[in-house]
């Protein structure tokens, strides 16, 4: 019976990835001294927003998700961020792996919307592991499941998230629009000779203020 333990050593921005991606560096220890041929490792990453404090600006930005601060005792609950996976090569004793964590800046996604509002500090994460482990057996190898109770907490600096997004979308963000709304904005942009989407929104906001 294998005896596995997982520890998150670090989470960093993957600088040269084609799309936004973080990388989790994970220490894996096996206490029975059995040879591990390979692990098909899966991981659910959860954000635990109740485990950090928020300043007034952050609280205002998070009101859309969690309501007013006085309601946070009921609304500030953990939520799933992503599912990720990695193949772990054979080892005995311990090994260090890098697990890719693809991310998005789509503000329709709960986690991206939450992370966008954080200015500094840390993001409380929980990594919950599962998967299949291959070890020596009587017929060549044996198969065991990674126990569901194996997990680790990690506090990722907000700066890591911002570095990752800035590497792909420097100084910008994303909004998803209904097709009819996008078509109307496109016509508005062409009719007024505006050259960028920022100028379209600036023009619309200026018109609203004038009213």
Protein backbone atom coordinates (compact mmCIF):
# COMPACT_ATOMS: atom_id res chain seq x y z
CA UNK A 1 0.00 0.00 0.00
CA UNK A 2 1.56 3.30 -1.06
CA UNK A 3 1.81 6.19 1.38
CA UNK A 4 1.59 9.47 -0.56
CA UNK A 5 1.73 13.08 0.64
CA UNK A 6 1.54 16.26 -1.45
CA UNK A 7 2.90 19.74 -0.69
CA UNK A 8 2.55 22.85 -2.87
CA UNK A 9 6.00 24.36 -3.05
CA UNK A 10 5.18 27.33 -5.29
CA UNK A 11 2.81 28.67 -7.94
CA UNK A 12 4.33 30.82 -10.68
CA UNK A 13 3.28 32.42 -13.97
CA UNK A 14 4.32 30.39 -17.01
CA UNK A 15 6.11 33.13 -18.96
CA UNK A 16 6.40 31.43 -22.35
CA UNK A 17 3.06 29.63 -22.58
CA UNK A 18 0.99 30.26 -25.72
CA UNK A 19 -2.06 31.06 -23.57
CA UNK A 20 -2.39 32.29 -19.96
CA UNK A 21 -1.12 29.59 -17.63
CA UNK A 22 0.17 29.19 -14.10
CA UNK A 23 2.48 26.39 -12.98
CA UNK A 24 2.18 24.65 -9.62
CA UNK A 25 5.40 23.12 -8.29
CA UNK A 26 4.37 20.14 -6.18
CA UNK A 27 6.48 18.03 -3.83
CA UNK A 28 5.33 14.39 -3.72
CA UNK A 29 6.56 12.11 -0.94
CA UNK A 30 6.03 8.33 -0.72
CA UNK A 31 6.61 6.97 2.78
CA UNK A 32 6.60 3.19 2.27
CA UNK A 33 9.77 3.14 0.14
CA UNK A 34 7.86 1.40 -2.65
CA UNK A 35 8.88 2.13 -6.22
CA UNK A 36 6.27 4.26 -7.99
CA UNK A 37 6.21 3.55 -11.74
CA UNK A 38 3.94 6.51 -12.58
CA UNK A 39 0.97 8.53 -11.33
CA UNK A 40 -1.86 9.83 -13.51
CA UNK A 41 -2.50 12.75 -11.18
CA UNK A 42 -5.63 14.88 -11.09
CA UNK A 43 -6.22 17.95 -8.97
CA UNK A 44 -9.19 20.16 -8.15
CA UNK A 45 -8.15 23.69 -7.18
CA UNK A 46 -10.55 25.65 -4.98
CA UNK A 47 -10.46 29.31 -3.93
CA UNK A 48 -11.35 29.92 -0.26
CA UNK A 49 -12.22 33.65 -0.17
CA UNK A 50 -13.20 33.60 3.52
CA UNK A 51 -9.56 33.00 4.49
CA UNK A 52 -8.32 36.54 3.71
CA UNK A 53 -9.20 40.16 4.53
CA UNK A 54 -10.40 42.80 2.04
CA UNK A 55 -9.97 46.55 1.97
CA UNK A 56 -12.83 48.94 1.14
CA UNK A 57 -12.11 49.07 -2.61
CA UNK A 58 -11.92 45.28 -2.89
CA UNK A 59 -15.13 44.87 -0.88
CA UNK A 60 -16.91 47.30 -3.19
CA UNK A 61 -15.74 45.39 -6.27
CA UNK A 62 -16.79 42.04 -4.79
CA UNK A 63 -20.31 43.21 -3.93
CA UNK A 64 -21.54 41.91 -7.29
CA UNK A 65 -20.46 38.39 -6.32
CA UNK A 66 -20.94 38.23 -2.56
CA UNK A 67 -23.25 41.12 -1.73
CA UNK A 68 -22.64 43.74 0.95
CA UNK A 69 -19.94 43.02 3.54
CA UNK A 70 -22.52 42.44 6.29
CA UNK A 71 -23.78 39.40 4.35
CA UNK A 72 -20.37 37.79 3.88
CA UNK A 73 -20.77 35.37 6.78
CA UNK A 74 -23.39 33.62 4.60
CA UNK A 75 -22.09 34.33 1.09
CA UNK A 76 -18.27 34.18 1.30
CA UNK A 77 -17.84 30.46 0.61
CA UNK A 78 -15.22 28.34 -1.20
CA UNK A 79 -15.73 27.85 -4.93
CA UNK A 80 -14.04 25.71 -7.57
CA UNK A 81 -11.42 27.37 -9.75
CA UNK A 82 -10.21 24.60 -12.06
CA UNK A 83 -9.47 20.93 -12.68
CA UNK A 84 -5.91 20.17 -13.82
CA UNK A 85 -3.77 17.09 -14.34
CA UNK A 86 -0.22 15.85 -14.87
CA UNK A 87 1.62 12.59 -15.52
CA UNK A 88 4.18 11.91 -12.80
CA UNK A 89 7.23 9.91 -13.86
CA UNK A 90 8.58 7.03 -11.79
CA UNK A 91 10.34 7.75 -8.49
CA UNK A 92 11.24 6.32 -5.12
CA UNK A 93 10.97 8.35 -1.94
CA UNK A 94 10.12 11.80 -3.27
CA UNK A 95 9.93 13.87 -6.42
CA UNK A 96 9.09 17.40 -7.54
CA UNK A 97 6.69 17.96 -10.45
CA UNK A 98 5.26 20.93 -12.32
CA UNK A 99 1.51 20.89 -12.91
CA UNK A 100 0.12 23.22 -15.62
CA UNK A 101 -2.83 25.38 -14.53
CA UNK A 102 -4.51 26.96 -17.59
CA UNK A 103 -6.39 30.17 -16.65
CA UNK A 104 -8.64 32.69 -18.34
CA UNK A 105 -9.33 36.43 -18.02
CA UNK A 106 -12.97 36.01 -19.06
CA UNK A 107 -14.86 38.11 -16.51
CA UNK A 108 -17.93 35.90 -16.92
CA UNK A 109 -15.97 33.19 -15.09
CA UNK A 110 -16.46 33.37 -11.32
CA UNK A 111 -12.79 32.92 -10.41
CA UNK A 112 -11.51 35.49 -12.95
CA UNK A 113 -14.14 37.98 -11.79
CA UNK A 114 -13.01 37.46 -8.18
CA UNK A 115 -9.28 37.67 -8.91
CA UNK A 116 -9.72 40.82 -11.01
CA UNK A 117 -10.93 42.68 -7.90
CA UNK A 118 -7.90 41.85 -5.73
CA UNK A 119 -5.22 44.52 -5.54
CA UNK A 120 -2.63 42.88 -3.30
CA UNK A 121 -2.09 40.22 -0.67
CA UNK A 122 -2.66 36.53 -1.26
CA UNK A 123 -5.28 34.20 -2.75
CA UNK A 124 -6.13 31.30 -0.40
CA UNK A 125 -6.12 28.10 -2.48
CA UNK A 126 -6.78 24.46 -1.69
CA UNK A 127 -5.44 21.68 -3.91
CA UNK A 128 -7.40 18.39 -3.65
CA UNK A 129 -5.68 15.41 -5.27
CA UNK A 130 -6.92 12.22 -6.87
CA UNK A 131 -5.80 9.92 -9.68
CA UNK A 132 -4.22 6.53 -10.36
CA UNK A 133 -0.86 5.25 -9.13
CA UNK A 134 1.07 2.42 -10.80
CA UNK A 135 3.43 0.38 -8.60
CA UNK A 136 5.27 -2.97 -8.84
CA UNK A 137 3.02 -6.01 -8.55
CA UNK A 138 3.01 -9.80 -8.93
CA UNK A 139 2.14 -9.54 -12.64
CA UNK A 140 4.47 -6.63 -13.37
CA UNK A 141 2.58 -3.71 -11.90
CA UNK A 142 -0.32 -2.93 -9.60
CA UNK A 143 -2.85 -0.13 -9.73
CA UNK A 144 -3.93 1.94 -6.72
CA UNK A 145 -6.08 5.02 -6.42
CA UNK A 146 -4.69 8.23 -4.98
CA UNK A 147 -6.72 8.71 -1.77
CA UNK A 148 -9.33 11.47 -2.00
CA UNK A 149 -8.41 12.96 1.37
CA UNK A 150 -4.96 14.09 0.17
CA UNK A 151 -4.85 17.87 -0.15
CA UNK A 152 -2.78 20.94 0.64
CA UNK A 153 -3.47 24.64 1.20
CA UNK A 154 -1.41 27.36 -0.46
CA UNK A 155 -1.57 31.15 -0.37
CA UNK A 156 -0.75 32.40 -3.87
CA UNK A 157 0.39 36.04 -4.10
CA UNK A 158 -2.07 38.16 -6.08
CA UNK A 159 0.98 39.47 -7.97
CA UNK A 160 1.44 36.03 -9.56
CA UNK A 161 -2.03 36.20 -11.12
CA UNK A 162 -1.47 39.77 -12.30
CA UNK A 163 1.93 38.89 -13.80
CA UNK A 164 0.33 36.04 -15.74
CA UNK A 165 -2.45 38.25 -17.13
CA UNK A 166 -0.13 41.17 -17.90
CA UNK A 167 2.14 38.87 -19.92
CA UNK A 168 -0.74 38.10 -22.31
CA UNK A 169 -3.13 41.06 -21.94
CA UNK A 170 -1.00 44.01 -20.76
CA UNK A 171 -3.21 46.75 -19.35
CA UNK A 172 -6.42 45.23 -20.74
CA UNK A 173 -9.34 43.00 -19.77
CA UNK A 174 -12.13 41.09 -21.53
CA UNK A 175 -15.91 41.36 -21.63
CA UNK A 176 -18.28 38.94 -23.37
CA UNK A 177 -21.16 40.64 -25.19
CA UNK A 178 -24.39 39.47 -26.80
CA UNK A 179 -24.08 39.28 -30.60
CA UNK A 180 -26.81 41.88 -31.14
CA UNK A 181 -25.07 44.24 -28.70
CA UNK A 182 -21.75 43.72 -30.46
CA UNK A 183 -23.37 44.39 -33.85
CA UNK A 184 -24.93 47.62 -32.56
CA UNK A 185 -21.59 48.76 -31.13
CA UNK A 186 -19.88 47.96 -34.42
CA UNK A 187 -22.36 50.17 -36.29
CA UNK A 188 -21.96 52.91 -33.71
CA UNK A 189 -18.17 52.73 -34.10
CA UNK A 190 -18.32 52.93 -37.91
CA UNK A 191 -20.91 55.74 -38.05
CA UNK A 192 -18.81 58.00 -35.82
CA UNK A 193 -15.44 57.12 -37.27
CA UNK A 194 -14.13 55.78 -33.96
CA UNK A 195 -10.99 53.68 -34.22
CA UNK A 196 -10.92 51.56 -31.05
CA UNK A 197 -13.40 49.86 -28.75
CA UNK A 198 -12.08 51.97 -25.87
CA UNK A 199 -13.04 55.10 -27.80
CA UNK A 200 -16.55 53.68 -28.38
CA UNK A 201 -17.09 53.10 -24.68
CA UNK A 202 -15.54 56.45 -23.75
CA UNK A 203 -17.91 58.17 -26.19
CA UNK A 204 -20.96 56.34 -24.81
CA UNK A 205 -19.98 57.10 -21.21
CA UNK A 206 -19.43 60.78 -22.06
CA UNK A 207 -22.88 60.95 -23.65
CA UNK A 208 -24.39 59.40 -20.53
CA UNK A 209 -22.68 61.95 -18.26
CA UNK A 210 -23.88 64.84 -20.44
CA UNK A 211 -27.47 63.72 -19.99
